[in-house]
N, C-alpha and C. Protein backbone atom coordinates (compact mmCIF):
# COMPACT_ATOMS: atom_id res chain seq x y z
N MET A 1 -19.11 -6.12 -2.31
CA MET A 1 -19.90 -4.89 -2.48
C MET A 1 -19.02 -3.78 -3.06
N ASN A 2 -19.58 -3.08 -4.04
CA ASN A 2 -18.83 -1.99 -4.66
C ASN A 2 -18.73 -0.80 -3.72
N PRO A 3 -17.59 -0.09 -3.74
CA PRO A 3 -17.49 1.13 -2.93
C PRO A 3 -18.38 2.22 -3.49
N THR A 4 -18.76 3.16 -2.66
CA THR A 4 -19.52 4.32 -3.14
C THR A 4 -18.56 5.33 -3.76
N VAL A 5 -19.12 6.23 -4.55
CA VAL A 5 -18.29 7.30 -5.12
C VAL A 5 -17.68 8.15 -4.01
N ALA A 6 -18.46 8.39 -2.96
CA ALA A 6 -17.94 9.19 -1.84
C ALA A 6 -16.77 8.49 -1.17
N GLU A 7 -16.84 7.17 -1.02
CA GLU A 7 -15.72 6.43 -0.42
C GLU A 7 -14.49 6.50 -1.31
N LEU A 8 -14.67 6.39 -2.61
CA LEU A 8 -13.53 6.49 -3.52
C LEU A 8 -12.95 7.90 -3.51
N ALA A 9 -13.80 8.91 -3.45
CA ALA A 9 -13.31 10.29 -3.41
C ALA A 9 -12.44 10.53 -2.19
N LYS A 10 -12.82 9.94 -1.06
CA LYS A 10 -12.05 10.13 0.17
C LYS A 10 -10.78 9.27 0.20
N MET A 11 -10.51 8.54 -0.87
CA MET A 11 -9.20 7.91 -1.05
C MET A 11 -8.21 8.84 -1.73
N ILE A 12 -8.70 9.89 -2.37
CA ILE A 12 -7.89 10.65 -3.31
C ILE A 12 -7.27 11.90 -2.68
N ASP A 13 -5.95 12.00 -2.82
CA ASP A 13 -5.23 13.25 -2.59
C ASP A 13 -5.03 13.87 -3.98
N HIS A 14 -5.83 14.88 -4.28
CA HIS A 14 -5.76 15.50 -5.61
C HIS A 14 -4.44 16.25 -5.74
N SER A 15 -3.63 15.85 -6.71
CA SER A 15 -2.25 16.32 -6.82
C SER A 15 -2.14 17.53 -7.74
N LEU A 16 -1.59 18.62 -7.21
CA LEU A 16 -1.36 19.85 -7.97
C LEU A 16 0.11 20.25 -7.82
N LEU A 17 0.99 19.40 -8.34
CA LEU A 17 2.42 19.54 -8.08
C LEU A 17 3.27 19.72 -9.34
N HIS A 18 2.66 19.71 -10.51
CA HIS A 18 3.48 19.81 -11.72
C HIS A 18 4.24 21.13 -11.74
N PRO A 19 5.53 21.11 -12.13
CA PRO A 19 6.34 22.33 -12.04
C PRO A 19 5.87 23.48 -12.92
N THR A 20 5.11 23.20 -13.98
CA THR A 20 4.67 24.28 -14.87
C THR A 20 3.26 24.76 -14.56
N MET A 21 2.68 24.29 -13.48
CA MET A 21 1.29 24.62 -13.16
C MET A 21 1.13 26.11 -12.85
N THR A 22 0.17 26.72 -13.53
CA THR A 22 -0.10 28.15 -13.33
C THR A 22 -1.10 28.35 -12.21
N THR A 23 -1.24 29.61 -11.80
CA THR A 23 -2.22 29.94 -10.75
C THR A 23 -3.63 29.57 -11.19
N GLN A 24 -3.94 29.79 -12.47
CA GLN A 24 -5.27 29.45 -12.97
C GLN A 24 -5.53 27.95 -12.85
N VAL A 25 -4.54 27.14 -13.21
CA VAL A 25 -4.70 25.69 -13.14
C VAL A 25 -4.80 25.24 -11.68
N LEU A 26 -4.03 25.85 -10.80
CA LEU A 26 -4.13 25.54 -9.38
C LEU A 26 -5.54 25.82 -8.86
N ASP A 27 -6.09 26.97 -9.23
CA ASP A 27 -7.43 27.33 -8.78
C ASP A 27 -8.48 26.36 -9.34
N GLU A 28 -8.29 25.96 -10.58
CA GLU A 28 -9.21 24.98 -11.17
C GLU A 28 -9.12 23.65 -10.43
N GLY A 29 -7.90 23.28 -10.04
CA GLY A 29 -7.73 22.03 -9.30
C GLY A 29 -8.36 22.08 -7.93
N LEU A 30 -8.27 23.22 -7.26
CA LEU A 30 -8.92 23.37 -5.96
C LEU A 30 -10.44 23.27 -6.10
N ALA A 31 -10.98 23.81 -7.19
CA ALA A 31 -12.42 23.72 -7.43
C ALA A 31 -12.84 22.27 -7.65
N VAL A 32 -12.01 21.50 -8.36
CA VAL A 32 -12.28 20.08 -8.57
C VAL A 32 -12.33 19.34 -7.23
N ALA A 33 -11.35 19.63 -6.39
CA ALA A 33 -11.29 18.97 -5.08
C ALA A 33 -12.54 19.25 -4.26
N LEU A 34 -12.99 20.49 -4.29
CA LEU A 34 -14.20 20.85 -3.54
C LEU A 34 -15.44 20.20 -4.15
N GLU A 35 -15.52 20.20 -5.45
CA GLU A 35 -16.71 19.63 -6.12
C GLU A 35 -16.87 18.15 -5.78
N TRP A 36 -15.75 17.42 -5.76
CA TRP A 36 -15.82 15.98 -5.55
C TRP A 36 -15.59 15.58 -4.09
N ASP A 37 -15.27 16.54 -3.24
CA ASP A 37 -15.06 16.29 -1.81
C ASP A 37 -14.03 15.18 -1.59
N VAL A 38 -12.84 15.38 -2.16
CA VAL A 38 -11.76 14.40 -2.02
C VAL A 38 -11.16 14.49 -0.62
N ALA A 39 -10.18 13.62 -0.36
CA ALA A 39 -9.55 13.62 0.97
C ALA A 39 -8.71 14.87 1.19
N SER A 40 -7.86 15.18 0.21
CA SER A 40 -7.00 16.36 0.36
C SER A 40 -6.58 16.88 -1.00
N VAL A 41 -6.04 18.08 -0.98
CA VAL A 41 -5.33 18.64 -2.13
C VAL A 41 -3.88 18.73 -1.75
N CYS A 42 -3.00 18.12 -2.54
CA CYS A 42 -1.56 18.22 -2.29
C CYS A 42 -0.99 19.25 -3.25
N ILE A 43 -0.63 20.40 -2.69
CA ILE A 43 -0.29 21.56 -3.50
C ILE A 43 1.16 21.97 -3.23
N LYS A 44 1.75 22.69 -4.16
CA LYS A 44 3.12 23.15 -3.96
C LYS A 44 3.20 24.10 -2.76
N PRO A 45 4.33 24.07 -2.05
CA PRO A 45 4.40 24.81 -0.78
C PRO A 45 4.04 26.29 -0.89
N TYR A 46 4.48 26.98 -1.95
CA TYR A 46 4.23 28.41 -2.04
C TYR A 46 2.74 28.72 -2.16
N ALA A 47 1.97 27.76 -2.70
CA ALA A 47 0.54 27.97 -2.93
C ALA A 47 -0.32 27.49 -1.78
N LEU A 48 0.29 27.02 -0.71
CA LEU A 48 -0.48 26.48 0.40
C LEU A 48 -1.45 27.49 1.01
N PRO A 49 -1.05 28.73 1.26
CA PRO A 49 -2.04 29.68 1.81
C PRO A 49 -3.26 29.85 0.91
N ARG A 50 -3.05 29.79 -0.39
CA ARG A 50 -4.16 29.89 -1.34
C ARG A 50 -5.10 28.70 -1.18
N ALA A 51 -4.52 27.52 -1.00
CA ALA A 51 -5.33 26.31 -0.83
C ALA A 51 -6.10 26.35 0.48
N VAL A 52 -5.43 26.77 1.54
CA VAL A 52 -6.08 26.83 2.85
C VAL A 52 -7.30 27.75 2.79
N ALA A 53 -7.15 28.89 2.13
CA ALA A 53 -8.27 29.82 2.02
C ALA A 53 -9.41 29.23 1.19
N ALA A 54 -9.05 28.58 0.08
CA ALA A 54 -10.07 28.02 -0.81
C ALA A 54 -10.83 26.87 -0.17
N LEU A 55 -10.13 26.09 0.66
CA LEU A 55 -10.74 24.88 1.24
C LEU A 55 -11.40 25.12 2.59
N ALA A 56 -11.30 26.34 3.09
CA ALA A 56 -11.85 26.65 4.42
C ALA A 56 -13.33 26.28 4.50
N GLY A 57 -13.70 25.60 5.57
CA GLY A 57 -15.08 25.20 5.77
C GLY A 57 -15.47 23.91 5.11
N SER A 58 -14.57 23.32 4.34
CA SER A 58 -14.85 22.04 3.68
C SER A 58 -14.20 20.90 4.45
N SER A 59 -14.45 19.68 4.00
CA SER A 59 -13.80 18.52 4.62
C SER A 59 -12.56 18.09 3.84
N VAL A 60 -12.12 18.90 2.88
CA VAL A 60 -10.93 18.61 2.08
C VAL A 60 -9.71 19.19 2.80
N ALA A 61 -8.74 18.35 3.09
CA ALA A 61 -7.57 18.79 3.84
C ALA A 61 -6.55 19.48 2.93
N PRO A 62 -5.94 20.57 3.39
CA PRO A 62 -4.83 21.17 2.66
C PRO A 62 -3.53 20.43 3.00
N SER A 63 -2.85 19.94 1.98
CA SER A 63 -1.60 19.22 2.21
C SER A 63 -0.52 19.74 1.27
N THR A 64 0.73 19.46 1.63
CA THR A 64 1.85 19.89 0.81
C THR A 64 2.99 18.88 0.93
N VAL A 65 4.09 19.17 0.25
CA VAL A 65 5.22 18.25 0.19
C VAL A 65 6.43 18.83 0.91
N ILE A 66 7.26 17.92 1.41
CA ILE A 66 8.47 18.27 2.15
C ILE A 66 9.65 17.53 1.52
N GLY A 67 10.73 18.26 1.23
CA GLY A 67 11.90 17.62 0.63
C GLY A 67 11.60 17.02 -0.72
N PHE A 68 10.75 17.66 -1.47
CA PHE A 68 10.23 17.09 -2.73
C PHE A 68 11.01 17.62 -3.93
N PRO A 69 11.34 16.77 -4.90
CA PRO A 69 11.00 15.36 -5.02
C PRO A 69 12.13 14.38 -4.69
N HIS A 70 13.30 14.86 -4.25
CA HIS A 70 14.44 13.95 -4.13
C HIS A 70 14.85 13.62 -2.70
N GLY A 71 14.35 14.37 -1.72
CA GLY A 71 14.64 14.07 -0.33
C GLY A 71 16.04 14.40 0.12
N GLY A 72 16.79 15.17 -0.66
CA GLY A 72 18.20 15.39 -0.38
C GLY A 72 18.52 16.56 0.52
N GLU A 73 17.52 17.30 0.96
CA GLU A 73 17.77 18.42 1.87
C GLU A 73 18.28 17.91 3.22
N THR A 74 18.89 18.79 3.99
CA THR A 74 19.27 18.42 5.34
C THR A 74 18.02 18.24 6.19
N THR A 75 18.17 17.53 7.30
CA THR A 75 17.05 17.38 8.22
C THR A 75 16.57 18.74 8.71
N ALA A 76 17.50 19.64 8.99
CA ALA A 76 17.12 20.98 9.44
C ALA A 76 16.28 21.70 8.39
N ASP A 77 16.66 21.56 7.12
CA ASP A 77 15.88 22.19 6.05
C ASP A 77 14.47 21.61 6.00
N LYS A 78 14.37 20.28 6.11
CA LYS A 78 13.05 19.65 6.07
C LYS A 78 12.19 20.08 7.25
N LEU A 79 12.80 20.19 8.42
CA LEU A 79 12.05 20.64 9.59
C LEU A 79 11.58 22.08 9.42
N ALA A 80 12.39 22.91 8.80
CA ALA A 80 11.99 24.29 8.54
C ALA A 80 10.81 24.32 7.57
N GLN A 81 10.85 23.47 6.58
CA GLN A 81 9.72 23.38 5.64
C GLN A 81 8.45 22.96 6.35
N ILE A 82 8.57 22.00 7.26
CA ILE A 82 7.40 21.55 8.02
C ILE A 82 6.84 22.69 8.86
N ARG A 83 7.71 23.42 9.54
CA ARG A 83 7.24 24.52 10.38
C ARG A 83 6.50 25.56 9.56
N GLU A 84 7.04 25.89 8.39
CA GLU A 84 6.38 26.89 7.55
C GLU A 84 5.04 26.36 7.04
N ALA A 85 5.01 25.09 6.64
CA ALA A 85 3.76 24.51 6.15
C ALA A 85 2.70 24.49 7.23
N LEU A 86 3.08 24.12 8.44
CA LEU A 86 2.12 24.11 9.55
C LEU A 86 1.61 25.52 9.84
N ALA A 87 2.50 26.48 9.80
CA ALA A 87 2.10 27.86 10.05
C ALA A 87 1.16 28.37 8.98
N SER A 88 1.28 27.82 7.77
CA SER A 88 0.40 28.22 6.66
C SER A 88 -0.93 27.48 6.67
N GLY A 89 -1.06 26.47 7.53
CA GLY A 89 -2.34 25.78 7.66
C GLY A 89 -2.41 24.37 7.13
N ALA A 90 -1.28 23.79 6.74
CA ALA A 90 -1.31 22.40 6.25
C ALA A 90 -1.69 21.46 7.38
N THR A 91 -2.49 20.46 7.05
CA THR A 91 -2.87 19.44 8.04
C THR A 91 -2.37 18.05 7.64
N GLU A 92 -1.79 17.93 6.46
CA GLU A 92 -1.17 16.68 6.03
C GLU A 92 0.09 17.04 5.25
N LEU A 93 1.19 16.32 5.52
CA LEU A 93 2.46 16.61 4.86
C LEU A 93 3.08 15.33 4.32
N ASP A 94 3.49 15.38 3.05
CA ASP A 94 4.11 14.24 2.38
C ASP A 94 5.60 14.51 2.23
N GLY A 95 6.44 13.80 2.99
CA GLY A 95 7.87 14.06 2.99
C GLY A 95 8.66 12.94 2.36
N VAL A 96 9.66 13.31 1.56
CA VAL A 96 10.47 12.32 0.84
C VAL A 96 11.64 11.87 1.71
N VAL A 97 11.81 10.58 1.83
CA VAL A 97 12.96 10.02 2.54
C VAL A 97 14.24 10.42 1.81
N ASN A 98 15.37 10.44 2.52
CA ASN A 98 16.65 10.68 1.86
C ASN A 98 17.03 9.39 1.12
N ILE A 99 16.74 9.37 -0.16
CA ILE A 99 16.88 8.15 -0.95
C ILE A 99 18.33 7.66 -0.98
N GLY A 100 19.26 8.59 -1.12
CA GLY A 100 20.67 8.20 -1.16
C GLY A 100 21.13 7.55 0.12
N GLN A 101 20.63 8.03 1.26
CA GLN A 101 21.00 7.44 2.54
C GLN A 101 20.39 6.05 2.72
N VAL A 102 19.19 5.84 2.20
CA VAL A 102 18.61 4.50 2.22
C VAL A 102 19.46 3.54 1.39
N LEU A 103 19.83 3.98 0.18
CA LEU A 103 20.63 3.13 -0.70
C LEU A 103 22.02 2.88 -0.13
N SER A 104 22.50 3.79 0.69
CA SER A 104 23.82 3.63 1.32
C SER A 104 23.77 2.77 2.58
N GLY A 105 22.56 2.40 3.00
CA GLY A 105 22.43 1.61 4.21
C GLY A 105 22.64 2.41 5.49
N GLU A 106 22.48 3.72 5.42
CA GLU A 106 22.68 4.58 6.59
C GLU A 106 21.38 4.65 7.39
N TRP A 107 21.03 3.52 7.98
CA TRP A 107 19.73 3.41 8.62
C TRP A 107 19.60 4.26 9.88
N GLY A 108 20.69 4.50 10.59
CA GLY A 108 20.62 5.37 11.75
C GLY A 108 20.22 6.79 11.36
N TYR A 109 20.84 7.27 10.28
CA TYR A 109 20.51 8.61 9.77
C TYR A 109 19.04 8.66 9.37
N VAL A 110 18.62 7.66 8.62
CA VAL A 110 17.25 7.66 8.10
C VAL A 110 16.24 7.61 9.24
N ARG A 111 16.48 6.72 10.20
CA ARG A 111 15.56 6.61 11.34
C ARG A 111 15.48 7.91 12.13
N ASP A 112 16.64 8.53 12.37
CA ASP A 112 16.66 9.78 13.13
C ASP A 112 15.89 10.86 12.39
N GLU A 113 16.12 10.99 11.09
CA GLU A 113 15.46 12.04 10.33
C GLU A 113 13.95 11.81 10.27
N VAL A 114 13.54 10.60 9.90
CA VAL A 114 12.11 10.32 9.77
C VAL A 114 11.41 10.52 11.12
N GLY A 115 12.05 10.09 12.19
CA GLY A 115 11.47 10.30 13.51
C GLY A 115 11.27 11.76 13.82
N GLN A 116 12.26 12.59 13.50
CA GLN A 116 12.13 14.03 13.76
C GLN A 116 11.03 14.65 12.91
N LEU A 117 10.93 14.24 11.66
CA LEU A 117 9.92 14.82 10.77
C LEU A 117 8.52 14.43 11.24
N ALA A 118 8.34 13.15 11.59
CA ALA A 118 7.03 12.71 12.06
C ALA A 118 6.65 13.43 13.34
N ALA A 119 7.60 13.57 14.26
CA ALA A 119 7.31 14.24 15.53
C ALA A 119 6.92 15.69 15.31
N ALA A 120 7.61 16.38 14.40
CA ALA A 120 7.31 17.79 14.13
C ALA A 120 5.90 17.94 13.56
N CYS A 121 5.52 17.03 12.66
CA CYS A 121 4.17 17.07 12.11
C CYS A 121 3.13 16.84 13.20
N HIS A 122 3.36 15.83 14.02
CA HIS A 122 2.40 15.48 15.06
C HIS A 122 2.27 16.59 16.11
N GLU A 123 3.39 17.24 16.42
CA GLU A 123 3.33 18.36 17.37
C GLU A 123 2.46 19.50 16.83
N GLY A 124 2.42 19.63 15.51
CA GLY A 124 1.59 20.65 14.87
C GLY A 124 0.20 20.15 14.52
N GLY A 125 -0.15 18.93 14.94
CA GLY A 125 -1.48 18.40 14.69
C GLY A 125 -1.71 17.91 13.28
N ALA A 126 -0.63 17.61 12.56
CA ALA A 126 -0.74 17.18 11.16
C ALA A 126 -0.34 15.72 10.99
N LEU A 127 -0.84 15.12 9.93
CA LEU A 127 -0.43 13.78 9.55
C LEU A 127 0.88 13.84 8.76
N PHE A 128 1.70 12.78 8.90
CA PHE A 128 2.94 12.70 8.14
C PHE A 128 2.94 11.45 7.27
N LYS A 129 3.16 11.66 5.97
CA LYS A 129 3.24 10.56 5.00
C LYS A 129 4.67 10.48 4.49
N LEU A 130 5.30 9.32 4.65
CA LEU A 130 6.69 9.16 4.22
C LEU A 130 6.73 8.55 2.83
N ILE A 131 7.36 9.29 1.91
CA ILE A 131 7.48 8.84 0.52
C ILE A 131 8.78 8.04 0.35
N PHE A 132 8.65 6.81 -0.16
CA PHE A 132 9.81 5.92 -0.33
C PHE A 132 10.55 6.14 -1.65
N GLU A 133 9.85 6.34 -2.75
CA GLU A 133 10.36 6.28 -4.14
C GLU A 133 10.86 4.87 -4.45
N ASN A 134 9.90 3.94 -4.47
CA ASN A 134 10.19 2.51 -4.58
C ASN A 134 10.91 2.11 -5.86
N CYS A 135 10.79 2.91 -6.91
CA CYS A 135 11.44 2.53 -8.18
C CYS A 135 12.95 2.42 -8.03
N TYR A 136 13.53 3.02 -7.00
CA TYR A 136 14.97 2.97 -6.79
C TYR A 136 15.40 1.93 -5.74
N LEU A 137 14.44 1.26 -5.12
CA LEU A 137 14.73 0.40 -3.98
C LEU A 137 14.43 -1.06 -4.29
N ASP A 138 15.13 -1.96 -3.57
CA ASP A 138 14.78 -3.38 -3.68
C ASP A 138 13.81 -3.74 -2.55
N ASP A 139 13.29 -4.96 -2.60
CA ASP A 139 12.27 -5.35 -1.63
C ASP A 139 12.78 -5.31 -0.19
N ALA A 140 14.04 -5.67 0.01
CA ALA A 140 14.60 -5.63 1.37
C ALA A 140 14.63 -4.21 1.90
N GLN A 141 14.99 -3.25 1.05
CA GLN A 141 15.03 -1.85 1.47
C GLN A 141 13.62 -1.32 1.73
N LYS A 142 12.67 -1.71 0.90
CA LYS A 142 11.28 -1.29 1.11
C LYS A 142 10.75 -1.84 2.43
N THR A 143 11.06 -3.11 2.68
CA THR A 143 10.61 -3.74 3.93
C THR A 143 11.23 -3.05 5.14
N ALA A 144 12.53 -2.79 5.07
CA ALA A 144 13.21 -2.12 6.18
C ALA A 144 12.63 -0.73 6.42
N LEU A 145 12.30 -0.02 5.35
CA LEU A 145 11.71 1.31 5.50
C LEU A 145 10.32 1.23 6.14
N CYS A 146 9.54 0.22 5.74
CA CYS A 146 8.23 0.03 6.36
C CYS A 146 8.37 -0.17 7.87
N GLU A 147 9.30 -1.02 8.25
CA GLU A 147 9.49 -1.32 9.67
C GLU A 147 10.01 -0.11 10.43
N LEU A 148 10.93 0.62 9.82
CA LEU A 148 11.47 1.83 10.45
C LEU A 148 10.37 2.89 10.59
N ALA A 149 9.62 3.11 9.53
CA ALA A 149 8.56 4.12 9.55
C ALA A 149 7.50 3.77 10.60
N SER A 150 7.18 2.50 10.70
CA SER A 150 6.19 2.06 11.69
C SER A 150 6.70 2.31 13.10
N ALA A 151 7.99 2.06 13.32
CA ALA A 151 8.57 2.19 14.66
C ALA A 151 8.57 3.64 15.14
N VAL A 152 8.74 4.59 14.22
CA VAL A 152 8.80 5.99 14.64
C VAL A 152 7.45 6.70 14.52
N GLY A 153 6.42 5.98 14.08
CA GLY A 153 5.06 6.51 14.16
C GLY A 153 4.59 7.36 13.01
N VAL A 154 5.05 7.08 11.78
CA VAL A 154 4.47 7.81 10.65
C VAL A 154 3.01 7.41 10.49
N ASP A 155 2.25 8.24 9.79
CA ASP A 155 0.83 7.96 9.58
C ASP A 155 0.57 7.18 8.30
N PHE A 156 1.38 7.43 7.29
CA PHE A 156 1.27 6.74 6.00
C PHE A 156 2.66 6.39 5.49
N VAL A 157 2.76 5.27 4.80
CA VAL A 157 3.90 5.00 3.93
C VAL A 157 3.40 5.13 2.49
N LYS A 158 4.19 5.77 1.66
CA LYS A 158 3.75 6.15 0.32
C LYS A 158 4.75 5.64 -0.71
N THR A 159 4.26 5.13 -1.82
CA THR A 159 5.12 4.43 -2.78
C THR A 159 6.10 5.34 -3.50
N SER A 160 5.66 6.54 -3.87
CA SER A 160 6.40 7.28 -4.89
C SER A 160 6.06 8.76 -4.85
N THR A 161 6.91 9.55 -5.50
CA THR A 161 6.60 10.96 -5.72
C THR A 161 5.73 11.17 -6.95
N GLY A 162 5.79 10.24 -7.89
CA GLY A 162 5.19 10.45 -9.19
C GLY A 162 6.16 11.08 -10.17
N TYR A 163 7.39 11.38 -9.70
CA TYR A 163 8.38 12.02 -10.55
C TYR A 163 9.67 11.21 -10.66
N GLY A 164 9.65 9.96 -10.18
CA GLY A 164 10.78 9.05 -10.36
C GLY A 164 10.64 8.29 -11.66
N THR A 165 11.35 7.19 -11.78
CA THR A 165 11.30 6.39 -13.01
C THR A 165 10.13 5.41 -13.03
N GLY A 166 9.40 5.33 -11.93
CA GLY A 166 8.23 4.45 -11.87
C GLY A 166 7.34 4.87 -10.72
N GLY A 167 6.09 4.40 -10.77
CA GLY A 167 5.13 4.76 -9.74
C GLY A 167 4.68 3.57 -8.93
N ALA A 168 3.44 3.63 -8.48
CA ALA A 168 2.89 2.57 -7.62
C ALA A 168 2.72 1.27 -8.40
N THR A 169 3.07 0.16 -7.76
CA THR A 169 2.77 -1.16 -8.30
C THR A 169 1.96 -1.93 -7.26
N LEU A 170 1.17 -2.87 -7.72
CA LEU A 170 0.37 -3.66 -6.80
C LEU A 170 1.25 -4.51 -5.89
N ASP A 171 2.34 -5.02 -6.43
CA ASP A 171 3.26 -5.81 -5.59
C ASP A 171 3.83 -4.97 -4.46
N ASP A 172 4.22 -3.73 -4.76
CA ASP A 172 4.76 -2.86 -3.72
C ASP A 172 3.71 -2.54 -2.67
N LEU A 173 2.49 -2.29 -3.10
CA LEU A 173 1.44 -1.98 -2.14
C LEU A 173 1.17 -3.17 -1.22
N ARG A 174 1.16 -4.35 -1.78
CA ARG A 174 0.95 -5.54 -0.94
C ARG A 174 2.10 -5.72 0.05
N LEU A 175 3.33 -5.48 -0.41
CA LEU A 175 4.49 -5.59 0.47
C LEU A 175 4.39 -4.57 1.60
N MET A 176 4.05 -3.33 1.27
CA MET A 176 3.99 -2.28 2.27
C MET A 176 2.87 -2.54 3.27
N ARG A 177 1.75 -3.05 2.80
CA ARG A 177 0.65 -3.37 3.70
C ARG A 177 1.04 -4.53 4.63
N ALA A 178 1.78 -5.48 4.10
CA ALA A 178 2.16 -6.65 4.89
C ALA A 178 3.18 -6.32 5.98
N HIS A 179 3.96 -5.24 5.78
CA HIS A 179 5.05 -4.93 6.71
C HIS A 179 4.81 -3.67 7.52
N THR A 180 3.55 -3.25 7.61
CA THR A 180 3.18 -2.14 8.49
C THR A 180 1.97 -2.55 9.31
N PRO A 181 1.83 -2.00 10.52
CA PRO A 181 0.67 -2.32 11.35
C PRO A 181 -0.57 -1.58 10.85
N PRO A 182 -1.75 -1.96 11.33
CA PRO A 182 -2.98 -1.28 10.89
C PRO A 182 -2.98 0.22 11.16
N SER A 183 -2.21 0.66 12.15
CA SER A 183 -2.17 2.09 12.47
C SER A 183 -1.45 2.92 11.40
N VAL A 184 -0.68 2.27 10.56
CA VAL A 184 0.03 2.95 9.47
C VAL A 184 -0.69 2.64 8.16
N ARG A 185 -1.17 3.67 7.51
CA ARG A 185 -1.88 3.47 6.25
C ARG A 185 -0.91 3.54 5.07
N VAL A 186 -1.39 3.05 3.93
CA VAL A 186 -0.56 2.96 2.72
C VAL A 186 -1.16 3.87 1.64
N LYS A 187 -0.27 4.65 1.00
CA LYS A 187 -0.70 5.54 -0.08
C LYS A 187 0.00 5.17 -1.37
N ALA A 188 -0.78 5.04 -2.43
CA ALA A 188 -0.25 4.80 -3.78
C ALA A 188 -0.09 6.13 -4.49
N ALA A 189 0.99 6.26 -5.24
CA ALA A 189 1.18 7.48 -6.03
C ALA A 189 1.97 7.15 -7.29
N GLY A 190 1.58 7.76 -8.39
CA GLY A 190 2.28 7.56 -9.65
C GLY A 190 1.62 6.50 -10.51
N GLY A 191 0.92 6.93 -11.54
CA GLY A 191 0.39 6.01 -12.53
C GLY A 191 -1.03 5.52 -12.31
N VAL A 192 -1.70 5.99 -11.27
CA VAL A 192 -3.09 5.57 -11.04
C VAL A 192 -3.99 6.57 -11.76
N ARG A 193 -4.45 6.17 -12.95
CA ARG A 193 -5.13 7.14 -13.83
C ARG A 193 -6.52 6.71 -14.24
N THR A 194 -6.95 5.51 -13.86
CA THR A 194 -8.27 5.04 -14.24
C THR A 194 -9.01 4.51 -13.03
N LEU A 195 -10.33 4.38 -13.16
CA LEU A 195 -11.11 3.83 -12.06
C LEU A 195 -10.66 2.42 -11.73
N ASP A 196 -10.41 1.60 -12.75
CA ASP A 196 -9.98 0.23 -12.47
C ASP A 196 -8.66 0.22 -11.71
N ALA A 197 -7.75 1.12 -12.06
CA ALA A 197 -6.48 1.20 -11.33
C ALA A 197 -6.71 1.62 -9.89
N LEU A 198 -7.64 2.55 -9.66
CA LEU A 198 -7.96 2.98 -8.30
C LEU A 198 -8.54 1.81 -7.49
N LEU A 199 -9.42 1.05 -8.11
CA LEU A 199 -10.01 -0.11 -7.43
C LEU A 199 -8.94 -1.16 -7.14
N ASP A 200 -7.99 -1.31 -8.06
CA ASP A 200 -6.92 -2.30 -7.86
C ASP A 200 -6.03 -1.92 -6.68
N VAL A 201 -5.66 -0.64 -6.58
CA VAL A 201 -4.78 -0.25 -5.47
C VAL A 201 -5.53 -0.33 -4.15
N ARG A 202 -6.81 -0.07 -4.18
CA ARG A 202 -7.63 -0.22 -2.97
C ARG A 202 -7.64 -1.68 -2.52
N ALA A 203 -7.82 -2.59 -3.46
CA ALA A 203 -7.83 -4.01 -3.13
C ALA A 203 -6.47 -4.49 -2.62
N ALA A 204 -5.39 -3.82 -3.07
CA ALA A 204 -4.04 -4.20 -2.66
C ALA A 204 -3.65 -3.62 -1.30
N GLY A 205 -4.53 -2.80 -0.72
CA GLY A 205 -4.26 -2.30 0.63
C GLY A 205 -4.07 -0.81 0.76
N ALA A 206 -4.17 -0.07 -0.33
CA ALA A 206 -3.99 1.38 -0.25
C ALA A 206 -5.24 2.05 0.31
N SER A 207 -5.05 2.97 1.25
CA SER A 207 -6.14 3.78 1.79
C SER A 207 -6.24 5.13 1.10
N ARG A 208 -5.14 5.57 0.52
CA ARG A 208 -5.08 6.84 -0.20
C ARG A 208 -4.37 6.63 -1.53
N CYS A 209 -4.63 7.58 -2.43
CA CYS A 209 -4.00 7.54 -3.74
C CYS A 209 -3.78 8.96 -4.22
N GLY A 210 -2.56 9.29 -4.59
CA GLY A 210 -2.30 10.56 -5.24
C GLY A 210 -2.78 10.48 -6.68
N ALA A 211 -3.50 11.51 -7.13
CA ALA A 211 -4.09 11.44 -8.47
C ALA A 211 -4.18 12.82 -9.10
N THR A 212 -4.00 12.84 -10.41
CA THR A 212 -4.25 14.05 -11.19
C THR A 212 -5.52 13.91 -12.02
N ARG A 213 -5.94 12.67 -12.28
CA ARG A 213 -7.13 12.44 -13.12
C ARG A 213 -8.36 12.13 -12.26
N THR A 214 -8.52 12.93 -11.25
CA THR A 214 -9.61 12.74 -10.30
C THR A 214 -10.97 12.80 -10.98
N VAL A 215 -11.18 13.79 -11.83
CA VAL A 215 -12.48 13.96 -12.48
C VAL A 215 -12.81 12.75 -13.33
N GLU A 216 -11.83 12.29 -14.11
CA GLU A 216 -12.09 11.15 -14.99
C GLU A 216 -12.42 9.90 -14.18
N MET A 217 -11.66 9.64 -13.12
CA MET A 217 -11.88 8.43 -12.34
C MET A 217 -13.23 8.46 -11.63
N LEU A 218 -13.55 9.57 -11.01
CA LEU A 218 -14.79 9.64 -10.24
C LEU A 218 -16.01 9.77 -11.14
N SER A 219 -15.86 10.40 -12.29
CA SER A 219 -16.97 10.44 -13.25
C SER A 219 -17.29 9.03 -13.74
N GLU A 220 -16.26 8.24 -13.99
CA GLU A 220 -16.49 6.85 -14.39
C GLU A 220 -17.14 6.06 -13.26
N ALA A 221 -16.75 6.37 -12.03
CA ALA A 221 -17.37 5.68 -10.88
C ALA A 221 -18.87 6.00 -10.80
N VAL A 222 -19.24 7.26 -11.08
CA VAL A 222 -20.66 7.63 -11.08
C VAL A 222 -21.40 6.83 -12.14
N GLU A 223 -20.81 6.73 -13.33
CA GLU A 223 -21.44 5.97 -14.40
C GLU A 223 -21.59 4.49 -14.06
N ARG A 224 -20.60 3.95 -13.39
CA ARG A 224 -20.60 2.52 -13.12
C ARG A 224 -21.42 2.15 -11.88
N PHE A 225 -21.28 2.96 -10.84
CA PHE A 225 -21.90 2.59 -9.56
C PHE A 225 -23.09 3.47 -9.19
N GLY A 226 -23.24 4.62 -9.87
CA GLY A 226 -24.29 5.55 -9.48
C GLY A 226 -23.84 6.40 -8.30
N ARG A 227 -24.55 7.46 -8.05
CA ARG A 227 -24.22 8.36 -6.95
C ARG A 227 -24.51 7.68 -5.62
């Protein structure tokens, strides 16, 4: 059975993160999110209060990024970012793992940091999505991150920032789904630009997808499946 347009819309975190994005474009993106009733808008941290105000009364969640896009901040810096985001009204936060520490095999550091970030989000009533940046990792590292993230209680494992050398792949999504429990959802990000790609990542186990071409994908879904 084909998914409904509403079901597909609730897979989408509409991404408003490009570094050159103006206030006008941000406002247009927020209007798109409201029109299509997507899952969330992922907006740059400084613009979060604007998003919270625009989305008030809707079912679209205001979300933002932590340690974006390289994950190299100290744990204290990331925790401060989380506190500010929560105070501004964010209900979902996408945080980047310290990629260099993963590549160095410093798993104690990574586990401690991810655990602290997830706990801080949960204490504030928000979901925490851990971004891996899979383009820099091998399968063993991806698997270890899935197991670590599951153990400390993250809400989502996410493939990519969309600003690395590669984005979501179906193989990575299948691996991440296979190595996390049902309580941990999988998010695809980077390169999902068509309806067929959205359907493919859904079939591979993704519950959410970061997207900039929301209008194009959902308009095609209306044409193909009807309202």
